[in-house]
Amino acid sequence: NSFCTLLGVLQASMSLDEGLKPLPRVPLHTYVHLFNGVAATLRTVPRTLGDSEWEERLNTLGQAVGRRTLAQTDATVPRMQTPEEAGVFAAHVLWKQWFGQPAKDHFAGQDGGSYHLNEDLPFLWQRPDPDPHKGTHEQLHLGAFVAGMLKGVLDGCGFLCDVSANYIDAAPGAAQTQYSIHWAASVLRRHGRKT
């Protein structure tokens, strides 16, 4: 199907050559085309599933891209000791690799059980065909795909988590995305945190 085709193109562009040398970073416009393709596919599929089910499917697809990213860069991934280090790695290293720049803002949750990245790249959340009966913050969130990418890498690094993409208000009339990483109970116990 279209999702698998899009994912296959991206995975091929991130593959290793025979000498096991990583290919150059995937250009930002490749991700723009990928997200536009995902959005176009969503337009053609009958909406028999609710938004949460679609976001779950997008998250699952993104996890495959995340695992492939880790396979490509495993030798250069720093040894992270804490959930906060893993969050900083996601905000700086992964974001720069994927989108050419660090995340706009990032911080640990007050309870120590989560980490949050804020971003304003429009193509990560805007739908070209918004539902006219829903407000901006009620639309299906395409950032669920990126949330899956984050989960794929962090799970593979031993920091099991769930990652979601949510709309936030950064300024009147401006929609941004917050990626919320919620660490698994096993990760919190390993680091002496309350579960």
N, C-alpha and C. Protein backbone atom coordinates (compact mmCIF):
# COMPACT_ATOMS: atom_id res chain seq x y z
N ASN A 1 0.83 -1.19 0.00
CA ASN A 1 0.00 0.00 0.00
C ASN A 1 0.87 1.25 0.00
N SER A 2 0.24 2.40 -0.01
CA SER A 2 0.98 3.66 -0.12
C SER A 2 1.90 3.90 1.06
N PHE A 3 1.43 3.53 2.27
CA PHE A 3 2.27 3.73 3.45
C PHE A 3 3.57 2.94 3.30
N CYS A 4 3.44 1.66 2.91
CA CYS A 4 4.63 0.82 2.78
C CYS A 4 5.57 1.34 1.70
N THR A 5 5.02 1.86 0.61
CA THR A 5 5.84 2.43 -0.44
C THR A 5 6.62 3.63 0.06
N LEU A 6 5.95 4.53 0.76
CA LEU A 6 6.63 5.70 1.31
C LEU A 6 7.71 5.29 2.30
N LEU A 7 7.38 4.34 3.15
CA LEU A 7 8.35 3.89 4.15
C LEU A 7 9.53 3.21 3.47
N GLY A 8 9.26 2.43 2.43
CA GLY A 8 10.34 1.77 1.71
C GLY A 8 11.30 2.75 1.07
N VAL A 9 10.77 3.83 0.49
CA VAL A 9 11.61 4.85 -0.12
C VAL A 9 12.52 5.49 0.92
N LEU A 10 11.95 5.82 2.07
CA LEU A 10 12.76 6.45 3.11
C LEU A 10 13.79 5.48 3.66
N GLN A 11 13.39 4.24 3.89
CA GLN A 11 14.35 3.27 4.41
C GLN A 11 15.49 3.04 3.42
N ALA A 12 15.16 2.99 2.13
CA ALA A 12 16.21 2.81 1.13
C ALA A 12 17.18 3.98 1.14
N SER A 13 16.66 5.19 1.34
CA SER A 13 17.52 6.36 1.35
C SER A 13 18.40 6.41 2.59
N MET A 14 18.02 5.65 3.63
CA MET A 14 18.80 5.65 4.86
C MET A 14 19.67 4.40 4.98
N SER A 15 19.70 3.56 3.95
CA SER A 15 20.41 2.29 4.06
C SER A 15 21.91 2.48 4.02
N LEU A 16 22.62 1.42 4.37
CA LEU A 16 24.08 1.45 4.35
C LEU A 16 24.57 0.89 3.03
N ASP A 17 25.73 1.40 2.58
CA ASP A 17 26.30 0.83 1.37
C ASP A 17 27.12 -0.39 1.75
N GLU A 18 27.74 -1.04 0.76
CA GLU A 18 28.43 -2.29 1.01
C GLU A 18 29.61 -2.12 1.95
N GLY A 19 30.20 -0.93 2.00
CA GLY A 19 31.33 -0.68 2.88
C GLY A 19 30.89 -0.31 4.28
N LEU A 20 29.60 -0.41 4.58
CA LEU A 20 29.04 -0.08 5.88
C LEU A 20 29.30 1.36 6.29
N LYS A 21 29.42 2.23 5.31
CA LYS A 21 29.56 3.66 5.59
C LYS A 21 28.19 4.30 5.44
N PRO A 22 27.78 5.10 6.40
CA PRO A 22 26.46 5.73 6.27
C PRO A 22 26.40 6.67 5.08
N LEU A 23 25.26 6.68 4.42
CA LEU A 23 25.04 7.63 3.34
C LEU A 23 24.83 9.01 3.96
N PRO A 24 24.92 10.07 3.16
CA PRO A 24 24.69 11.41 3.71
C PRO A 24 23.31 11.52 4.36
N ARG A 25 23.17 12.47 5.27
CA ARG A 25 21.91 12.69 5.96
C ARG A 25 20.77 12.85 4.96
N VAL A 26 19.63 12.28 5.30
CA VAL A 26 18.45 12.42 4.44
C VAL A 26 18.05 13.89 4.44
N PRO A 27 17.92 14.51 3.27
CA PRO A 27 17.58 15.93 3.21
C PRO A 27 16.19 16.21 3.79
N LEU A 28 16.05 17.40 4.33
CA LEU A 28 14.78 17.80 4.93
C LEU A 28 13.63 17.68 3.94
N HIS A 29 13.87 18.03 2.68
CA HIS A 29 12.77 17.99 1.71
C HIS A 29 12.27 16.56 1.50
N THR A 30 13.11 15.55 1.77
CA THR A 30 12.65 14.17 1.67
C THR A 30 11.57 13.91 2.70
N TYR A 31 11.77 14.40 3.92
CA TYR A 31 10.76 14.23 4.96
C TYR A 31 9.50 15.02 4.62
N VAL A 32 9.67 16.21 4.04
CA VAL A 32 8.49 17.00 3.65
C VAL A 32 7.66 16.19 2.67
N HIS A 33 8.31 15.58 1.66
CA HIS A 33 7.59 14.77 0.68
C HIS A 33 6.94 13.56 1.36
N LEU A 34 7.67 12.97 2.30
CA LEU A 34 7.12 11.81 3.00
C LEU A 34 5.86 12.18 3.76
N PHE A 35 5.91 13.26 4.52
CA PHE A 35 4.74 13.66 5.30
C PHE A 35 3.60 14.09 4.39
N ASN A 36 3.91 14.78 3.30
CA ASN A 36 2.86 15.15 2.35
C ASN A 36 2.23 13.90 1.74
N GLY A 37 3.06 12.90 1.47
CA GLY A 37 2.54 11.65 0.92
C GLY A 37 1.65 10.93 1.91
N VAL A 38 2.06 10.92 3.18
CA VAL A 38 1.23 10.31 4.22
C VAL A 38 -0.11 11.04 4.31
N ALA A 39 -0.05 12.38 4.28
CA ALA A 39 -1.29 13.16 4.36
C ALA A 39 -2.18 12.89 3.16
N ALA A 40 -1.58 12.80 1.97
CA ALA A 40 -2.37 12.53 0.76
C ALA A 40 -3.01 11.15 0.85
N THR A 41 -2.29 10.18 1.38
CA THR A 41 -2.84 8.84 1.54
C THR A 41 -4.02 8.85 2.49
N LEU A 42 -3.89 9.60 3.57
CA LEU A 42 -4.99 9.67 4.53
C LEU A 42 -6.25 10.23 3.89
N ARG A 43 -6.08 11.14 2.92
CA ARG A 43 -7.24 11.73 2.25
C ARG A 43 -8.01 10.69 1.44
N THR A 44 -7.30 9.66 0.94
CA THR A 44 -7.94 8.70 0.04
C THR A 44 -8.52 7.50 0.76
N VAL A 45 -8.23 7.38 2.05
CA VAL A 45 -8.71 6.23 2.80
C VAL A 45 -10.02 6.58 3.49
N PRO A 46 -11.03 5.74 3.35
CA PRO A 46 -12.30 6.00 4.04
C PRO A 46 -12.07 6.13 5.54
N ARG A 47 -12.67 7.14 6.11
CA ARG A 47 -12.44 7.41 7.53
C ARG A 47 -13.36 6.55 8.39
N THR A 48 -13.12 5.23 8.35
CA THR A 48 -13.89 4.33 9.21
C THR A 48 -13.25 4.22 10.58
N LEU A 49 -11.99 4.61 10.69
CA LEU A 49 -11.29 4.60 11.97
C LEU A 49 -11.27 6.00 12.55
N GLY A 50 -11.22 6.09 13.86
CA GLY A 50 -11.12 7.38 14.50
C GLY A 50 -9.70 7.92 14.42
N ASP A 51 -9.54 9.20 14.77
CA ASP A 51 -8.22 9.83 14.70
C ASP A 51 -7.19 9.10 15.56
N SER A 52 -7.58 8.64 16.72
CA SER A 52 -6.62 7.97 17.61
C SER A 52 -6.09 6.68 16.98
N GLU A 53 -6.97 5.95 16.27
CA GLU A 53 -6.52 4.72 15.60
C GLU A 53 -5.55 5.05 14.47
N TRP A 54 -5.84 6.14 13.72
CA TRP A 54 -4.92 6.53 12.65
C TRP A 54 -3.58 6.97 13.22
N GLU A 55 -3.61 7.72 14.31
CA GLU A 55 -2.36 8.17 14.92
C GLU A 55 -1.55 6.98 15.42
N GLU A 56 -2.24 5.95 15.91
CA GLU A 56 -1.54 4.75 16.36
C GLU A 56 -0.86 4.05 15.18
N ARG A 57 -1.55 4.00 14.04
CA ARG A 57 -0.94 3.40 12.84
C ARG A 57 0.26 4.20 12.37
N LEU A 58 0.14 5.53 12.38
CA LEU A 58 1.27 6.38 11.98
C LEU A 58 2.45 6.18 12.93
N ASN A 59 2.16 6.06 14.21
CA ASN A 59 3.21 5.85 15.20
C ASN A 59 3.95 4.54 14.92
N THR A 60 3.20 3.50 14.61
CA THR A 60 3.82 2.20 14.31
C THR A 60 4.72 2.28 13.09
N LEU A 61 4.27 2.98 12.05
CA LEU A 61 5.11 3.15 10.85
C LEU A 61 6.38 3.93 11.19
N GLY A 62 6.25 4.96 12.00
CA GLY A 62 7.41 5.75 12.38
C GLY A 62 8.42 4.94 13.17
N GLN A 63 7.96 3.98 13.97
CA GLN A 63 8.88 3.16 14.75
C GLN A 63 9.84 2.39 13.84
N ALA A 64 9.36 1.94 12.70
CA ALA A 64 10.23 1.23 11.76
C ALA A 64 11.34 2.15 11.25
N VAL A 65 11.01 3.41 10.99
CA VAL A 65 12.02 4.38 10.54
C VAL A 65 13.02 4.64 11.67
N GLY A 66 12.51 4.73 12.91
CA GLY A 66 13.39 4.93 14.06
C GLY A 66 14.37 3.79 14.23
N ARG A 67 13.88 2.55 14.11
CA ARG A 67 14.77 1.39 14.24
C ARG A 67 15.83 1.40 13.15
N ARG A 68 15.44 1.81 11.95
CA ARG A 68 16.40 1.86 10.84
C ARG A 68 17.44 2.96 11.09
N THR A 69 17.00 4.08 11.64
CA THR A 69 17.93 5.15 11.98
C THR A 69 18.97 4.64 12.97
N LEU A 70 18.52 3.91 13.98
CA LEU A 70 19.45 3.39 14.98
C LEU A 70 20.41 2.38 14.37
N ALA A 71 19.91 1.53 13.48
CA ALA A 71 20.78 0.56 12.83
C ALA A 71 21.88 1.26 12.03
N GLN A 72 21.53 2.39 11.44
CA GLN A 72 22.50 3.13 10.62
C GLN A 72 23.55 3.82 11.49
N THR A 73 23.15 4.31 12.65
CA THR A 73 24.04 5.15 13.44
C THR A 73 24.50 4.50 14.73
N ASP A 74 24.25 3.21 14.92
CA ASP A 74 24.50 2.54 16.19
C ASP A 74 25.93 2.74 16.70
N ALA A 75 26.91 2.71 15.81
CA ALA A 75 28.30 2.82 16.23
C ALA A 75 28.63 4.21 16.79
N THR A 76 27.84 5.20 16.42
CA THR A 76 28.13 6.57 16.85
C THR A 76 27.19 7.07 17.94
N VAL A 77 26.25 6.22 18.37
CA VAL A 77 25.30 6.64 19.40
C VAL A 77 26.03 6.66 20.75
N PRO A 78 25.99 7.79 21.47
CA PRO A 78 26.66 7.85 22.77
C PRO A 78 26.00 6.92 23.78
N ARG A 79 26.77 6.48 24.73
CA ARG A 79 26.24 5.62 25.80
C ARG A 79 25.49 6.51 26.78
N MET A 80 24.18 6.46 26.76
CA MET A 80 23.37 7.33 27.61
C MET A 80 23.13 6.65 28.94
N GLN A 81 23.29 7.40 30.02
CA GLN A 81 23.18 6.83 31.36
C GLN A 81 21.83 7.12 32.01
N THR A 82 21.17 8.20 31.64
CA THR A 82 19.93 8.60 32.31
C THR A 82 18.85 8.92 31.28
N PRO A 83 17.59 8.92 31.70
CA PRO A 83 16.51 9.32 30.79
C PRO A 83 16.71 10.75 30.27
N GLU A 84 17.25 11.64 31.12
CA GLU A 84 17.47 13.02 30.67
C GLU A 84 18.50 13.06 29.54
N GLU A 85 19.55 12.25 29.65
CA GLU A 85 20.55 12.19 28.57
C GLU A 85 19.91 11.65 27.29
N ALA A 86 19.02 10.68 27.43
CA ALA A 86 18.32 10.15 26.25
C ALA A 86 17.44 11.23 25.63
N GLY A 87 16.78 12.05 26.47
CA GLY A 87 15.95 13.13 25.96
C GLY A 87 16.76 14.18 25.23
N VAL A 88 17.92 14.53 25.78
CA VAL A 88 18.79 15.51 25.12
C VAL A 88 19.32 14.94 23.80
N PHE A 89 19.65 13.65 23.80
CA PHE A 89 20.08 12.99 22.56
C PHE A 89 19.00 13.10 21.48
N ALA A 90 17.74 12.86 21.88
CA ALA A 90 16.63 12.96 20.92
C ALA A 90 16.50 14.38 20.39
N ALA A 91 16.58 15.35 21.30
CA ALA A 91 16.36 16.76 20.92
C ALA A 91 17.48 17.32 20.07
N HIS A 92 18.69 16.90 20.32
CA HIS A 92 19.83 17.47 19.60
C HIS A 92 20.31 16.59 18.45
N VAL A 93 20.68 15.36 18.75
CA VAL A 93 21.28 14.50 17.74
C VAL A 93 20.25 14.01 16.73
N LEU A 94 19.17 13.40 17.23
CA LEU A 94 18.17 12.86 16.30
C LEU A 94 17.50 13.95 15.49
N TRP A 95 17.08 15.02 16.16
CA TRP A 95 16.38 16.09 15.45
C TRP A 95 17.27 16.70 14.38
N LYS A 96 18.56 16.88 14.72
CA LYS A 96 19.46 17.47 13.73
C LYS A 96 19.68 16.52 12.56
N GLN A 97 19.78 15.23 12.86
CA GLN A 97 19.95 14.25 11.79
C GLN A 97 18.72 14.20 10.89
N TRP A 98 17.55 14.23 11.50
CA TRP A 98 16.32 14.12 10.72
C TRP A 98 15.90 15.41 10.05
N PHE A 99 16.03 16.53 10.75
CA PHE A 99 15.45 17.77 10.26
C PHE A 99 16.43 18.92 10.09
N GLY A 100 17.72 18.65 10.30
CA GLY A 100 18.75 19.66 10.02
C GLY A 100 18.93 20.69 11.11
N GLN A 101 18.24 20.55 12.22
CA GLN A 101 18.36 21.51 13.31
C GLN A 101 17.89 20.85 14.61
N PRO A 102 18.39 21.32 15.76
CA PRO A 102 17.91 20.76 17.02
C PRO A 102 16.45 21.12 17.24
N ALA A 103 15.80 20.41 18.14
CA ALA A 103 14.43 20.75 18.50
C ALA A 103 14.40 22.16 19.07
N LYS A 104 13.31 22.85 18.82
CA LYS A 104 13.19 24.25 19.24
C LYS A 104 13.33 24.40 20.76
N ASP A 105 12.74 23.48 21.51
CA ASP A 105 12.77 23.55 22.96
C ASP A 105 12.62 22.14 23.50
N HIS A 106 13.25 21.85 24.64
CA HIS A 106 13.10 20.53 25.24
C HIS A 106 13.37 20.62 26.74
N PHE A 107 12.71 19.76 27.49
CA PHE A 107 12.84 19.80 28.94
C PHE A 107 12.29 18.52 29.56
N ALA A 108 12.80 18.19 30.76
CA ALA A 108 12.31 17.04 31.50
C ALA A 108 11.02 17.41 32.21
N GLY A 109 10.12 16.45 32.33
CA GLY A 109 8.89 16.69 33.08
C GLY A 109 9.20 16.85 34.55
N GLN A 110 8.34 17.54 35.26
CA GLN A 110 8.57 17.82 36.69
C GLN A 110 8.67 16.55 37.53
N ASP A 111 7.98 15.50 37.12
CA ASP A 111 7.99 14.27 37.91
C ASP A 111 9.16 13.36 37.57
N GLY A 112 9.96 13.73 36.57
CA GLY A 112 11.10 12.89 36.16
C GLY A 112 10.70 11.68 35.35
N GLY A 113 9.40 11.50 35.12
CA GLY A 113 8.94 10.34 34.37
C GLY A 113 8.70 10.61 32.91
N SER A 114 9.02 11.82 32.47
CA SER A 114 8.78 12.17 31.07
C SER A 114 9.80 13.19 30.59
N TYR A 115 9.83 13.36 29.26
CA TYR A 115 10.69 14.36 28.63
C TYR A 115 9.89 14.92 27.47
N HIS A 116 10.03 16.23 27.21
CA HIS A 116 9.19 16.87 26.20
C HIS A 116 10.04 17.67 25.21
N LEU A 117 9.67 17.57 23.94
CA LEU A 117 10.31 18.34 22.88
C LEU A 117 9.24 19.18 22.20
N ASN A 118 9.47 20.47 22.07
CA ASN A 118 8.52 21.35 21.37
C ASN A 118 9.10 21.70 20.01
N GLU A 119 8.24 21.69 19.00
CA GLU A 119 8.71 21.97 17.64
C GLU A 119 7.64 22.72 16.88
N ASP A 120 8.07 23.54 15.91
CA ASP A 120 7.10 24.31 15.13
C ASP A 120 7.25 24.10 13.63
N LEU A 121 7.90 23.01 13.21
CA LEU A 121 7.98 22.72 11.77
C LEU A 121 6.57 22.39 11.27
N PRO A 122 5.99 23.25 10.43
CA PRO A 122 4.58 23.07 10.06
C PRO A 122 4.27 21.73 9.41
N PHE A 123 5.17 21.20 8.58
CA PHE A 123 4.81 19.99 7.86
C PHE A 123 4.69 18.78 8.78
N LEU A 124 5.16 18.92 10.03
CA LEU A 124 5.05 17.81 10.96
C LEU A 124 3.65 17.67 11.54
N TRP A 125 2.82 18.67 11.36
CA TRP A 125 1.48 18.56 11.95
C TRP A 125 0.36 19.05 11.06
N GLN A 126 0.63 19.92 10.10
CA GLN A 126 -0.45 20.48 9.29
C GLN A 126 -1.01 19.47 8.32
N ARG A 127 -2.30 19.41 8.24
CA ARG A 127 -2.96 18.59 7.23
C ARG A 127 -3.38 19.47 6.07
N PRO A 128 -3.15 19.03 4.85
CA PRO A 128 -3.59 19.82 3.70
C PRO A 128 -5.10 19.81 3.53
N ASP A 129 -5.78 18.89 4.21
CA ASP A 129 -7.24 18.78 4.08
C ASP A 129 -7.88 18.75 5.46
N PRO A 130 -7.75 19.81 6.24
CA PRO A 130 -8.31 19.77 7.59
C PRO A 130 -9.82 19.56 7.57
N ASP A 131 -10.29 18.90 8.60
CA ASP A 131 -11.72 18.69 8.78
C ASP A 131 -12.34 20.04 9.13
N PRO A 132 -13.24 20.57 8.29
CA PRO A 132 -13.81 21.90 8.55
C PRO A 132 -14.66 21.97 9.81
N HIS A 133 -15.04 20.80 10.35
CA HIS A 133 -15.88 20.78 11.54
C HIS A 133 -15.07 20.71 12.83
N LYS A 134 -13.73 20.71 12.70
CA LYS A 134 -12.88 20.60 13.87
C LYS A 134 -11.91 21.78 13.93
N GLY A 135 -11.57 22.20 15.13
CA GLY A 135 -10.57 23.24 15.31
C GLY A 135 -9.18 22.67 15.04
N THR A 136 -8.19 23.56 14.92
CA THR A 136 -6.82 23.14 14.62
C THR A 136 -6.33 22.06 15.58
N HIS A 137 -6.59 22.25 16.86
CA HIS A 137 -6.06 21.33 17.86
C HIS A 137 -6.86 20.04 17.99
N GLU A 138 -7.92 19.91 17.19
CA GLU A 138 -8.71 18.69 17.21
C GLU A 138 -8.45 17.82 15.99
N GLN A 139 -7.60 18.29 15.08
CA GLN A 139 -7.33 17.55 13.85
C GLN A 139 -6.44 16.34 14.11
N LEU A 140 -6.51 15.37 13.20
CA LEU A 140 -5.59 14.24 13.22
C LEU A 140 -4.16 14.79 13.19
N HIS A 141 -3.30 14.31 14.07
CA HIS A 141 -1.95 14.87 14.20
C HIS A 141 -0.94 14.00 13.45
N LEU A 142 -0.40 14.53 12.34
CA LEU A 142 0.58 13.78 11.55
C LEU A 142 1.89 13.60 12.31
N GLY A 143 2.10 14.37 13.37
CA GLY A 143 3.31 14.22 14.16
C GLY A 143 3.40 12.86 14.85
N ALA A 144 2.30 12.10 14.84
CA ALA A 144 2.34 10.75 15.41
C ALA A 144 3.40 9.90 14.71
N PHE A 145 3.67 10.20 13.44
CA PHE A 145 4.70 9.47 12.70
C PHE A 145 6.08 9.75 13.30
N VAL A 146 6.39 11.02 13.59
CA VAL A 146 7.67 11.39 14.20
C VAL A 146 7.75 10.82 15.61
N ALA A 147 6.63 10.83 16.33
CA ALA A 147 6.62 10.24 17.67
C ALA A 147 7.05 8.77 17.60
N GLY A 148 6.59 8.07 16.59
CA GLY A 148 7.00 6.68 16.40
C GLY A 148 8.48 6.57 16.08
N MET A 149 9.00 7.51 15.29
CA MET A 149 10.44 7.50 14.98
C MET A 149 11.26 7.63 16.26
N LEU A 150 10.84 8.55 17.14
CA LEU A 150 11.53 8.73 18.41
C LEU A 150 11.47 7.45 19.25
N LYS A 151 10.30 6.85 19.33
CA LYS A 151 10.14 5.62 20.11
C LYS A 151 11.03 4.51 19.56
N GLY A 152 11.10 4.38 18.24
CA GLY A 152 11.91 3.33 17.63
C GLY A 152 13.37 3.41 18.04
N VAL A 153 13.91 4.63 18.07
CA VAL A 153 15.31 4.82 18.45
C VAL A 153 15.49 4.61 19.95
N LEU A 154 14.67 5.27 20.76
CA LEU A 154 14.86 5.21 22.20
C LEU A 154 14.65 3.81 22.76
N ASP A 155 13.64 3.10 22.26
CA ASP A 155 13.45 1.71 22.68
C ASP A 155 14.71 0.90 22.37
N GLY A 156 15.26 1.11 21.18
CA GLY A 156 16.45 0.37 20.77
C GLY A 156 17.68 0.70 21.58
N CYS A 157 17.69 1.86 22.22
CA CYS A 157 18.81 2.27 23.08
C CYS A 157 18.62 1.83 24.52
N GLY A 158 17.54 1.10 24.79
CA GLY A 158 17.29 0.61 26.13
C GLY A 158 16.46 1.54 27.00
N PHE A 159 15.93 2.60 26.41
CA PHE A 159 15.07 3.52 27.14
C PHE A 159 13.63 3.35 26.65
N LEU A 160 13.01 2.27 27.10
CA LEU A 160 11.65 1.95 26.66
C LEU A 160 10.71 3.09 27.03
N CYS A 161 9.82 3.41 26.10
CA CYS A 161 8.95 4.56 26.32
C CYS A 161 7.74 4.51 25.40
N ASP A 162 6.81 5.40 25.67
CA ASP A 162 5.72 5.71 24.76
C ASP A 162 5.89 7.17 24.38
N VAL A 163 5.67 7.49 23.11
CA VAL A 163 5.84 8.86 22.65
C VAL A 163 4.57 9.29 21.92
N SER A 164 4.09 10.47 22.26
CA SER A 164 2.89 11.00 21.60
C SER A 164 3.18 12.40 21.08
N ALA A 165 2.40 12.81 20.09
CA ALA A 165 2.49 14.16 19.54
C ALA A 165 1.19 14.88 19.87
N ASN A 166 1.32 16.05 20.46
CA ASN A 166 0.14 16.80 20.89
C ASN A 166 0.25 18.26 20.46
N TYR A 167 -0.88 18.87 20.16
CA TYR A 167 -0.89 20.29 19.84
C TYR A 167 -0.71 21.10 21.12
N ILE A 168 0.02 22.20 21.01
CA ILE A 168 0.13 23.14 22.13
C ILE A 168 -0.03 24.55 21.57
N ASP A 169 -0.35 25.47 22.43
CA ASP A 169 -0.43 26.89 22.04
C ASP A 169 0.85 27.58 22.48
N ALA A 170 1.65 27.99 21.51
CA ALA A 170 2.87 28.72 21.83
C ALA A 170 2.61 30.21 21.85
N ALA A 171 1.66 30.64 21.05
CA ALA A 171 1.28 32.05 20.96
C ALA A 171 -0.13 32.07 20.38
N PRO A 172 -0.85 33.16 20.57
CA PRO A 172 -2.21 33.23 20.02
C PRO A 172 -2.23 32.92 18.52
N GLY A 173 -3.01 31.93 18.15
CA GLY A 173 -3.15 31.58 16.75
C GLY A 173 -2.04 30.72 16.19
N ALA A 174 -1.03 30.38 16.98
CA ALA A 174 0.08 29.57 16.47
C ALA A 174 -0.05 28.15 17.01
N ALA A 175 0.00 27.19 16.11
CA ALA A 175 -0.06 25.79 16.52
C ALA A 175 1.34 25.22 16.47
N GLN A 176 1.74 24.57 17.52
CA GLN A 176 3.01 23.86 17.56
C GLN A 176 2.74 22.46 18.07
N THR A 177 3.78 21.67 18.07
CA THR A 177 3.67 20.30 18.53
C THR A 177 4.56 20.07 19.72
N GLN A 178 4.06 19.34 20.69
CA GLN A 178 4.90 18.87 21.78
C GLN A 178 4.95 17.35 21.69
N TYR A 179 6.18 16.83 21.60
CA TYR A 179 6.40 15.39 21.62
C TYR A 179 6.68 15.01 23.06
N SER A 180 5.81 14.19 23.64
CA SER A 180 5.95 13.80 25.03
C SER A 180 6.45 12.36 25.11
N ILE A 181 7.61 12.20 25.72
CA ILE A 181 8.23 10.89 25.92
C ILE A 181 7.92 10.47 27.35
N HIS A 182 7.19 9.38 27.50
CA HIS A 182 6.86 8.87 28.82
C HIS A 182 7.64 7.57 29.02
N TRP A 183 8.58 7.60 29.96
CA TRP A 183 9.47 6.46 30.18
C TRP A 183 8.69 5.29 30.79
N ALA A 184 9.06 4.08 30.37
CA ALA A 184 8.43 2.87 30.91
C ALA A 184 8.81 2.70 32.38
N ALA A 185 7.96 1.98 33.12
CA ALA A 185 8.20 1.76 34.54
C ALA A 185 9.57 1.10 34.77
N SER A 186 9.98 0.20 33.88
CA SER A 186 11.27 -0.47 34.04
C SER A 186 12.43 0.52 33.96
N VAL A 187 12.31 1.53 33.11
CA VAL A 187 13.35 2.56 32.99
C VAL A 187 13.40 3.40 34.25
N LEU A 188 12.23 3.77 34.75
CA LEU A 188 12.17 4.60 35.96
C LEU A 188 12.74 3.84 37.16
N ARG A 189 12.40 2.56 37.29
CA ARG A 189 12.93 1.76 38.40
C ARG A 189 14.45 1.64 38.29
N ARG A 190 14.95 1.44 37.10
CA ARG A 190 16.39 1.29 36.88
C ARG A 190 17.15 2.53 37.34
N HIS A 191 16.50 3.67 37.25
CA HIS A 191 17.16 4.92 37.61
C HIS A 191 16.64 5.49 38.93
N GLY A 192 15.99 4.64 39.72
CA GLY A 192 15.55 5.04 41.06
C GLY A 192 14.47 6.09 41.07
N ARG A 193 13.62 6.09 40.04
CA ARG A 193 12.52 7.06 39.99
C ARG A 193 11.21 6.40 40.43
N LYS A 194 10.29 7.22 40.86
CA LYS A 194 8.97 6.71 41.23
C LYS A 194 8.21 6.32 39.97
N THR A 195 7.48 5.22 40.05
CA THR A 195 6.69 4.76 38.89
C THR A 195 5.22 5.09 39.10
